[in-house]
Amino acid sequence: MQPTPAAIVVESPSLRAGEPIPAVFTADGRNISPALTWRGLPDGTRELALLFEDPDAPTPQPFVHWILYKIPATAAGVPEGVPIDPEAPMPPGMGAAVQGTNGFRRPIYRGPAPPPGKVHHYRFILFALDTALDVGPGLTKAELLEAMEGHVIGRGELVATYERIRK
């Protein structure tokens, strides 16, 4: 049986836990990824993976807005505005990080865009892994979770909200 993953603190200089995500990071704004930071990675962390999802979406599973993995354990966070072009190089410090295929079937960040009238909760979930994943770009959430199985030694999340107002 896999031990309980260590708790990682996930924060952001761009948004606050439990508060609305600024429009610039949504489909109603510039649709760029927010900066994230973390601390408390467990000893033995070799690589990190990040999921950004909406569990309030009217879909059977949480709707995936972004997948980023193969993040080096030396990274203290993700800078704002990770390139939307999957062929563009990652920002400094992100090493060989790659983006997975989101719910829109694209390997990019795509910000919140819920139907108007209901607050949605958005989870940025960070996983610390005890191995470097031997996988290529474009994994779906299911494929990433399968590749990480048995290797998650730490986990943390930041939850923020977003609501579109009816016009």
Protein backbone atom coordinates (compact mmCIF):
# COMPACT_ATOMS: atom_id res chain seq x y z
CA MET A 1 0.00 0.00 0.00
CA GLN A 2 1.33 3.43 -0.98
CA PRO A 3 1.91 5.76 2.00
CA THR A 4 -0.15 8.94 2.28
CA PRO A 5 1.52 11.66 0.18
CA ALA A 6 3.22 14.48 2.09
CA ALA A 7 1.37 17.80 2.13
CA ILE A 8 2.75 20.49 -0.20
CA VAL A 9 1.78 24.15 0.13
CA VAL A 10 0.65 25.59 -3.23
CA GLU A 11 0.28 29.37 -3.47
CA SER A 12 0.12 32.08 -6.10
CA PRO A 13 1.17 35.72 -6.35
CA SER A 14 -1.54 36.04 -9.02
CA LEU A 15 -4.62 34.78 -7.15
CA ARG A 16 -5.76 33.82 -3.67
CA ALA A 17 -7.18 30.56 -2.38
CA GLY A 18 -10.95 30.67 -2.00
CA GLU A 19 -11.27 33.93 -3.93
CA PRO A 20 -12.29 34.68 -7.54
CA ILE A 21 -9.66 34.10 -10.21
CA PRO A 22 -8.79 37.45 -11.83
CA ALA A 23 -10.36 37.73 -15.31
CA VAL A 24 -6.95 38.01 -17.00
CA PHE A 25 -6.46 34.27 -16.33
CA THR A 26 -9.86 33.32 -17.79
CA ALA A 27 -11.45 33.04 -21.22
CA ASP A 28 -13.08 36.41 -20.43
CA GLY A 29 -9.64 38.04 -20.20
CA ARG A 30 -6.22 37.28 -21.71
CA ASN A 31 -6.53 33.54 -20.98
CA ILE A 32 -2.99 33.25 -19.65
CA SER A 33 -1.83 30.87 -16.97
CA PRO A 34 -1.29 32.33 -13.49
CA ALA A 35 1.98 32.12 -11.61
CA LEU A 36 2.10 29.40 -8.97
CA THR A 37 4.62 28.68 -6.23
CA TRP A 38 5.05 25.79 -3.85
CA ARG A 39 7.00 24.77 -0.80
CA GLY A 40 7.43 21.69 1.31
CA LEU A 41 8.36 19.18 -1.38
CA PRO A 42 9.18 15.86 0.27
CA ASP A 43 12.70 14.45 0.20
CA GLY A 44 13.15 12.22 -2.82
CA THR A 45 11.10 14.42 -5.18
CA ARG A 46 12.48 13.90 -8.70
CA GLU A 47 9.75 15.54 -10.77
CA LEU A 48 6.45 17.42 -10.46
CA ALA A 49 3.13 17.36 -12.29
CA LEU A 50 0.30 19.89 -12.24
CA LEU A 51 -3.41 19.55 -13.04
CA PHE A 52 -5.86 22.44 -13.28
CA GLU A 53 -9.48 21.28 -13.26
CA ASP A 54 -13.08 22.29 -12.61
CA PRO A 55 -14.94 19.71 -10.50
CA ASP A 56 -18.16 21.78 -10.79
CA ALA A 57 -18.37 21.42 -14.58
CA PRO A 58 -21.47 19.58 -15.81
CA THR A 59 -19.37 16.61 -16.97
CA PRO A 60 -18.96 13.12 -15.48
CA GLN A 61 -15.35 13.90 -14.44
CA PRO A 62 -13.81 17.23 -13.44
CA PHE A 63 -13.18 19.26 -16.58
CA VAL A 64 -9.43 19.60 -17.23
CA HIS A 65 -8.20 23.06 -18.19
CA TRP A 66 -4.46 22.41 -18.05
CA ILE A 67 -1.92 19.65 -17.55
CA LEU A 68 1.77 20.35 -17.05
CA TYR A 69 4.25 17.62 -16.17
CA LYS A 70 7.93 16.71 -16.23
CA ILE A 71 8.48 19.85 -14.14
CA PRO A 72 11.94 19.62 -12.55
CA ALA A 73 12.02 19.17 -8.79
CA THR A 74 14.30 22.23 -8.64
CA ALA A 75 11.46 24.49 -9.88
CA ALA A 76 10.01 26.65 -7.12
CA GLY A 77 6.92 27.38 -9.18
CA VAL A 78 5.44 28.07 -12.59
CA PRO A 79 5.76 31.59 -14.00
CA GLU A 80 2.76 33.49 -15.31
CA GLY A 81 1.99 33.03 -19.00
CA VAL A 82 3.39 29.62 -19.91
CA PRO A 83 3.52 29.66 -23.74
CA ILE A 84 0.28 28.65 -25.42
CA ASP A 85 2.23 27.30 -28.40
CA PRO A 86 3.19 23.73 -27.46
CA GLU A 87 6.28 24.06 -29.69
CA ALA A 88 7.54 27.17 -27.83
CA PRO A 89 10.28 26.62 -25.26
CA MET A 90 9.31 26.53 -21.61
CA PRO A 91 10.26 29.51 -19.45
CA PRO A 92 13.62 29.41 -17.62
CA GLY A 93 13.67 26.99 -14.71
CA MET A 94 10.98 24.78 -16.21
CA GLY A 95 13.45 22.41 -17.87
CA ALA A 96 11.80 19.80 -20.08
CA ALA A 97 8.29 20.41 -18.73
CA VAL A 98 5.56 19.62 -21.25
CA GLN A 99 1.85 20.28 -21.49
CA GLY A 100 -0.76 17.56 -21.62
CA THR A 101 -4.03 17.43 -23.52
CA ASN A 102 -6.80 19.34 -21.75
CA GLY A 103 -10.57 18.88 -21.96
CA PHE A 104 -10.60 21.04 -25.09
CA ARG A 105 -8.32 18.39 -26.69
CA ARG A 106 -5.38 20.79 -26.89
CA PRO A 107 -1.99 20.74 -25.12
CA ILE A 108 -2.32 24.26 -23.68
CA TYR A 109 -3.61 26.25 -20.72
CA ARG A 110 -7.21 27.33 -21.18
CA GLY A 111 -8.71 29.38 -18.39
CA PRO A 112 -12.10 29.20 -16.71
CA ALA A 113 -15.17 29.71 -18.88
CA PRO A 114 -18.12 28.26 -16.94
CA PRO A 115 -21.74 28.72 -17.95
CA PRO A 116 -23.11 31.93 -16.38
CA GLY A 117 -24.94 31.90 -13.09
CA LYS A 118 -23.00 29.51 -10.84
CA VAL A 119 -19.71 29.79 -8.98
CA HIS A 120 -17.23 27.11 -10.04
CA HIS A 121 -14.29 25.97 -7.92
CA TYR A 122 -11.01 25.49 -9.78
CA ARG A 123 -8.28 23.22 -8.40
CA PHE A 124 -4.59 23.58 -9.15
CA ILE A 125 -3.26 20.20 -7.96
CA LEU A 126 0.49 19.64 -7.66
CA PHE A 127 1.99 16.16 -7.41
CA ALA A 128 5.55 15.39 -6.26
CA LEU A 129 6.91 12.21 -7.83
CA ASP A 130 9.73 9.92 -6.75
CA THR A 131 10.69 9.26 -10.38
CA ALA A 132 11.15 11.05 -13.67
CA LEU A 133 8.27 10.03 -15.92
CA ASP A 134 9.30 8.30 -19.12
CA VAL A 135 6.47 9.75 -21.21
CA GLY A 136 6.07 12.18 -24.09
CA PRO A 137 4.01 15.35 -24.45
CA GLY A 138 0.24 15.47 -24.84
CA LEU A 139 -0.89 13.04 -22.12
CA THR A 140 -4.51 13.20 -21.02
CA LYS A 141 -5.36 13.33 -17.32
CA ALA A 142 -6.10 9.59 -17.28
CA GLU A 143 -2.79 8.78 -18.98
CA LEU A 144 -0.86 11.04 -16.60
CA LEU A 145 -2.53 9.56 -13.52
CA GLU A 146 -1.71 6.07 -14.80
CA ALA A 147 1.95 7.03 -15.41
CA MET A 148 2.19 8.53 -11.90
CA GLU A 149 0.57 5.56 -10.16
CA GLY A 150 2.72 4.36 -7.26
CA HIS A 151 5.08 7.35 -7.57
CA VAL A 152 3.18 10.20 -5.85
CA ILE A 153 5.06 11.11 -2.66
CA GLY A 154 3.58 14.59 -2.16
CA ARG A 155 0.42 16.47 -3.07
CA GLY A 156 -0.93 19.96 -2.62
CA GLU A 157 -3.64 22.12 -4.10
CA LEU A 158 -4.86 25.64 -4.39
CA VAL A 159 -8.59 26.15 -4.97
CA ALA A 160 -9.98 29.42 -6.34
CA THR A 161 -13.35 30.32 -7.83
CA TYR A 162 -14.79 31.91 -10.94
CA GLU A 163 -18.30 32.85 -12.00
CA ARG A 164 -19.54 34.35 -15.21
CA ILE A 165 -22.28 36.89 -14.66
CA ARG A 166 -25.37 36.75 -16.85
CA LYS A 167 -25.62 39.79 -19.10
